[in-house]
Structures are given as structure tokens and as C-alpha cells.
N, C-alpha and C. Protein backbone atom coordinates (compact mmCIF):
# COMPACT_ATOMS: atom_id res chain seq x y z
N MET A 1 12.51 19.06 -1.28
CA MET A 1 11.12 18.66 -1.15
C MET A 1 10.77 17.54 -2.13
N ALA A 2 11.38 17.56 -3.30
CA ALA A 2 11.09 16.53 -4.29
C ALA A 2 11.50 15.16 -3.78
N ASP A 3 12.60 15.09 -3.02
CA ASP A 3 13.03 13.80 -2.48
C ASP A 3 11.99 13.24 -1.52
N LEU A 4 11.43 14.08 -0.68
CA LEU A 4 10.40 13.63 0.26
C LEU A 4 9.16 13.16 -0.49
N ALA A 5 8.76 13.90 -1.50
CA ALA A 5 7.59 13.51 -2.28
C ALA A 5 7.83 12.17 -2.98
N ARG A 6 9.03 11.98 -3.50
CA ARG A 6 9.35 10.71 -4.16
C ARG A 6 9.38 9.58 -3.14
N TRP A 7 9.91 9.84 -1.96
CA TRP A 7 9.98 8.83 -0.91
C TRP A 7 8.59 8.43 -0.45
N ARG A 8 7.64 9.37 -0.43
CA ARG A 8 6.28 9.11 0.07
C ARG A 8 5.43 8.29 -0.88
N ILE A 9 5.85 8.08 -2.11
CA ILE A 9 5.03 7.37 -3.09
C ILE A 9 4.67 5.97 -2.60
N GLU A 10 5.66 5.20 -2.17
CA GLU A 10 5.37 3.83 -1.73
C GLU A 10 4.54 3.78 -0.44
N PRO A 11 4.89 4.53 0.60
CA PRO A 11 4.03 4.49 1.81
C PRO A 11 2.59 4.92 1.52
N ASP A 12 2.41 5.90 0.65
CA ASP A 12 1.06 6.33 0.30
C ASP A 12 0.32 5.22 -0.44
N ALA A 13 1.03 4.51 -1.32
CA ALA A 13 0.43 3.39 -2.04
C ALA A 13 0.05 2.27 -1.07
N VAL A 14 0.89 2.02 -0.08
CA VAL A 14 0.59 0.99 0.93
C VAL A 14 -0.68 1.37 1.68
N ASP A 15 -0.77 2.62 2.11
CA ASP A 15 -1.97 3.07 2.83
C ASP A 15 -3.22 2.91 1.96
N ALA A 16 -3.13 3.31 0.70
CA ALA A 16 -4.28 3.20 -0.19
C ALA A 16 -4.64 1.74 -0.44
N LEU A 17 -3.64 0.89 -0.59
CA LEU A 17 -3.89 -0.53 -0.82
C LEU A 17 -4.56 -1.17 0.39
N VAL A 18 -4.08 -0.87 1.58
CA VAL A 18 -4.69 -1.42 2.80
C VAL A 18 -6.13 -0.94 2.93
N ASP A 19 -6.36 0.33 2.67
CA ASP A 19 -7.73 0.85 2.73
C ASP A 19 -8.62 0.09 1.75
N GLY A 20 -8.12 -0.14 0.53
CA GLY A 20 -8.89 -0.88 -0.47
C GLY A 20 -9.14 -2.32 -0.06
N LEU A 21 -8.12 -2.95 0.51
CA LEU A 21 -8.27 -4.34 0.96
C LEU A 21 -9.29 -4.45 2.09
N LEU A 22 -9.21 -3.55 3.05
CA LEU A 22 -10.15 -3.59 4.18
C LEU A 22 -11.58 -3.31 3.70
N ALA A 23 -11.72 -2.46 2.69
CA ALA A 23 -13.04 -2.13 2.15
C ALA A 23 -13.51 -3.15 1.12
N ARG A 24 -12.63 -4.11 0.80
CA ARG A 24 -12.93 -5.11 -0.24
C ARG A 24 -13.27 -4.44 -1.56
N ASP A 25 -12.50 -3.40 -1.88
CA ASP A 25 -12.70 -2.60 -3.09
C ASP A 25 -11.57 -2.91 -4.07
N GLY A 26 -11.84 -3.82 -4.99
CA GLY A 26 -10.83 -4.25 -5.95
C GLY A 26 -10.31 -3.12 -6.82
N ARG A 27 -11.18 -2.21 -7.20
CA ARG A 27 -10.76 -1.08 -8.04
C ARG A 27 -9.77 -0.20 -7.28
N ALA A 28 -10.05 0.09 -6.01
CA ALA A 28 -9.13 0.91 -5.21
C ALA A 28 -7.79 0.20 -5.02
N GLN A 29 -7.83 -1.11 -4.85
CA GLN A 29 -6.59 -1.88 -4.71
C GLN A 29 -5.74 -1.76 -5.98
N ALA A 30 -6.37 -1.94 -7.12
CA ALA A 30 -5.64 -1.86 -8.39
C ALA A 30 -5.09 -0.47 -8.63
N GLU A 31 -5.87 0.54 -8.32
CA GLU A 31 -5.41 1.92 -8.51
C GLU A 31 -4.24 2.25 -7.60
N ALA A 32 -4.24 1.72 -6.39
CA ALA A 32 -3.15 1.98 -5.46
C ALA A 32 -1.83 1.44 -5.99
N VAL A 33 -1.86 0.24 -6.52
CA VAL A 33 -0.64 -0.37 -7.04
C VAL A 33 -0.27 0.23 -8.39
N ARG A 34 -1.25 0.52 -9.21
CA ARG A 34 -0.99 1.10 -10.52
C ARG A 34 -0.35 2.48 -10.41
N ALA A 35 -0.57 3.16 -9.29
CA ALA A 35 -0.06 4.52 -9.11
C ALA A 35 1.46 4.58 -9.02
N ILE A 36 2.10 3.45 -8.77
CA ILE A 36 3.56 3.47 -8.66
C ILE A 36 4.17 2.62 -9.76
N PRO A 37 5.31 3.06 -10.29
CA PRO A 37 5.99 2.24 -11.29
C PRO A 37 6.61 1.01 -10.62
N ASP A 38 6.60 -0.11 -11.32
CA ASP A 38 7.18 -1.34 -10.74
C ASP A 38 8.68 -1.37 -11.05
N VAL A 39 9.39 -0.49 -10.38
CA VAL A 39 10.84 -0.40 -10.55
C VAL A 39 11.49 -1.03 -9.33
N ALA A 40 12.43 -1.91 -9.58
CA ALA A 40 13.19 -2.54 -8.49
C ALA A 40 12.28 -3.24 -7.48
N GLY A 41 11.21 -3.86 -7.96
CA GLY A 41 10.34 -4.62 -7.07
C GLY A 41 9.39 -3.79 -6.22
N ALA A 42 9.06 -2.59 -6.68
CA ALA A 42 8.20 -1.70 -5.88
C ALA A 42 6.84 -2.33 -5.59
N HIS A 43 6.24 -2.98 -6.58
CA HIS A 43 4.92 -3.59 -6.35
C HIS A 43 5.01 -4.68 -5.29
N ARG A 44 6.04 -5.48 -5.34
CA ARG A 44 6.23 -6.54 -4.34
C ARG A 44 6.37 -5.94 -2.95
N ARG A 45 7.18 -4.88 -2.82
CA ARG A 45 7.36 -4.24 -1.51
C ARG A 45 6.06 -3.68 -0.98
N VAL A 46 5.29 -3.04 -1.86
CA VAL A 46 4.01 -2.46 -1.44
C VAL A 46 3.07 -3.56 -0.95
N TRP A 47 2.97 -4.66 -1.70
CA TRP A 47 2.10 -5.76 -1.29
C TRP A 47 2.57 -6.38 0.01
N GLU A 48 3.87 -6.58 0.17
CA GLU A 48 4.38 -7.19 1.41
C GLU A 48 4.09 -6.30 2.61
N ARG A 49 4.29 -5.00 2.47
CA ARG A 49 4.03 -4.08 3.58
C ARG A 49 2.53 -4.02 3.89
N ALA A 50 1.71 -4.04 2.84
CA ALA A 50 0.26 -4.01 3.05
C ALA A 50 -0.20 -5.28 3.78
N LEU A 51 0.32 -6.43 3.37
CA LEU A 51 -0.07 -7.67 4.03
C LEU A 51 0.39 -7.71 5.49
N LEU A 52 1.53 -7.12 5.78
CA LEU A 52 2.00 -7.02 7.17
C LEU A 52 1.01 -6.19 7.99
N LEU A 53 0.58 -5.06 7.44
CA LEU A 53 -0.38 -4.21 8.15
C LEU A 53 -1.71 -4.93 8.34
N LEU A 54 -2.15 -5.67 7.32
CA LEU A 54 -3.41 -6.40 7.43
C LEU A 54 -3.33 -7.50 8.49
N SER A 55 -2.18 -8.18 8.57
CA SER A 55 -2.05 -9.22 9.59
C SER A 55 -2.04 -8.59 10.98
N TRP A 56 -1.41 -7.44 11.12
CA TRP A 56 -1.43 -6.72 12.41
C TRP A 56 -2.87 -6.34 12.75
N HIS A 57 -3.58 -5.80 11.77
CA HIS A 57 -4.97 -5.38 11.97
C HIS A 57 -5.82 -6.57 12.41
N ALA A 58 -5.62 -7.71 11.77
CA ALA A 58 -6.40 -8.91 12.11
C ALA A 58 -6.09 -9.39 13.52
N ALA A 59 -4.84 -9.30 13.93
CA ALA A 59 -4.44 -9.80 15.24
C ALA A 59 -4.74 -8.82 16.39
N HIS A 60 -4.67 -7.52 16.10
CA HIS A 60 -4.73 -6.53 17.18
C HIS A 60 -5.84 -5.49 17.01
N GLY A 61 -6.54 -5.52 15.90
CA GLY A 61 -7.59 -4.54 15.66
C GLY A 61 -7.03 -3.27 15.07
N PRO A 62 -7.91 -2.38 14.64
CA PRO A 62 -7.46 -1.12 14.05
C PRO A 62 -6.78 -0.24 15.07
N ASP A 63 -5.96 0.67 14.57
CA ASP A 63 -5.26 1.62 15.45
C ASP A 63 -6.24 2.52 16.15
């Protein structure tokens, strides 16, 4: 179970970051990224995945 919880850290941060970006809530954005350690480029991966979701949202609307 610990492996699953550790694996979920980045996807959960991406979800929180996207929510913060859509809400234009800078504090929520910072907290989402701050919640994960920047090991092996984790912050970059989270931002790239969040921007991909935002571009999809802009092009196709919310799910």
C-alpha cells in the first residue's frame, strides 16, 4: 500500500495544481507544488502534466 501512496503523490499534486490554475488561486498552486519534494525533476513533471491538462481543457472543455 505504501508504494501506491507514494506513486499517487505526483498525480495528486497535478490535480491540485490544475484546480488552482483554473481557479486562479496562486496560494493553492504553490501549495500543490510545495507538497512534493523536487527530487529527480518532480516539480518540472508536475508542471508539464498540469499544462498538458490545461491545454486539453482549453481546447475541448472540462470533462
